[in-house]
Amino acid sequence: MLKNVIAPIQAWLLSQGRCVGCGKPLNIAKKVKHGDGMEKVTCSCGRIFIYNPKDENYRRALLEEV
């Protein structure tokens, strides 16, 4: 049940370009080029995201991408 409450909030934060853990903007986080034109973004709190510059959106990184 808790996941049903948290998931929409995390989706909203990602759509705003913010970290789901600490709420900091991801555009100031450390970025490293990743395959297929993507960027691996690491927030100061340690969470890792993948940024797609073509679609201009963020998503949480999968275990294989870390």
Protein backbone atom coordinates (compact mmCIF):
# COMPACT_ATOMS: atom_id res chain seq x y z
CA MET A 1 0.00 0.00 0.00
CA LEU A 2 2.84 2.41 0.80
CA LYS A 3 4.23 1.95 -2.72
CA ASN A 4 0.88 3.12 -4.14
CA VAL A 5 1.31 6.41 -2.28
CA ILE A 6 5.01 6.99 -2.99
CA ALA A 7 5.16 6.04 -6.69
CA PRO A 8 3.10 9.00 -7.98
CA ILE A 9 5.16 11.43 -5.89
CA GLN A 10 8.40 10.00 -7.29
CA ALA A 11 7.03 10.18 -10.84
CA TRP A 12 6.10 13.82 -10.30
CA LEU A 13 9.58 14.65 -8.94
CA LEU A 14 11.23 12.99 -11.95
CA SER A 15 8.98 14.89 -14.35
CA GLN A 16 10.15 18.10 -12.64
CA GLY A 17 13.81 17.01 -13.06
CA ARG A 18 14.40 16.49 -9.34
CA CYS A 19 15.90 13.63 -7.34
CA VAL A 20 13.35 11.29 -5.77
CA GLY A 21 15.43 10.99 -2.60
CA CYS A 22 16.55 14.49 -1.67
CA GLY A 23 14.59 16.70 -4.09
CA LYS A 24 17.63 18.50 -5.49
CA PRO A 25 17.55 19.51 -9.18
CA LEU A 26 19.24 16.89 -11.36
CA ASN A 27 20.60 19.46 -13.82
CA ILE A 28 23.31 20.37 -11.27
CA ALA A 29 24.25 16.71 -10.57
CA LYS A 30 27.33 14.93 -11.92
CA LYS A 31 26.77 13.70 -15.50
CA VAL A 32 28.70 11.06 -17.45
CA LYS A 33 28.07 9.98 -21.06
CA HIS A 34 26.31 6.63 -21.27
CA GLY A 35 25.58 4.48 -24.33
CA ASP A 36 23.13 5.49 -27.10
CA GLY A 37 23.39 9.24 -26.43
CA MET A 38 22.12 8.91 -22.87
CA GLU A 39 23.74 10.45 -19.79
CA LYS A 40 24.23 8.78 -16.41
CA VAL A 41 23.40 11.31 -13.68
CA THR A 42 24.54 10.78 -10.10
CA CYS A 43 22.89 12.91 -7.42
CA SER A 44 24.79 14.06 -4.34
CA CYS A 45 22.69 11.66 -2.25
CA GLY A 46 23.96 8.70 -4.31
CA ARG A 47 20.92 7.85 -6.43
CA ILE A 48 21.66 7.19 -10.09
CA PHE A 49 19.43 8.28 -12.97
CA ILE A 50 19.52 8.06 -16.77
CA TYR A 51 18.84 11.25 -18.74
CA ASN A 52 17.57 11.13 -22.31
CA PRO A 53 18.46 14.48 -23.93
CA LYS A 54 16.29 13.76 -26.97
CA ASP A 55 13.10 13.40 -24.88
CA GLU A 56 14.45 15.59 -22.03
CA ASN A 57 13.35 13.21 -19.29
CA TYR A 58 14.92 11.30 -16.40
CA ARG A 59 14.38 7.76 -15.12
CA ARG A 60 15.91 5.64 -12.39
CA ALA A 61 18.87 3.58 -13.59
CA LEU A 62 18.50 -0.18 -13.81
CA LEU A 63 20.98 -2.45 -11.99
CA GLU A 64 22.64 -3.32 -15.32
CA GLU A 65 23.26 0.37 -16.03
CA VAL A 66 24.96 1.12 -12.73
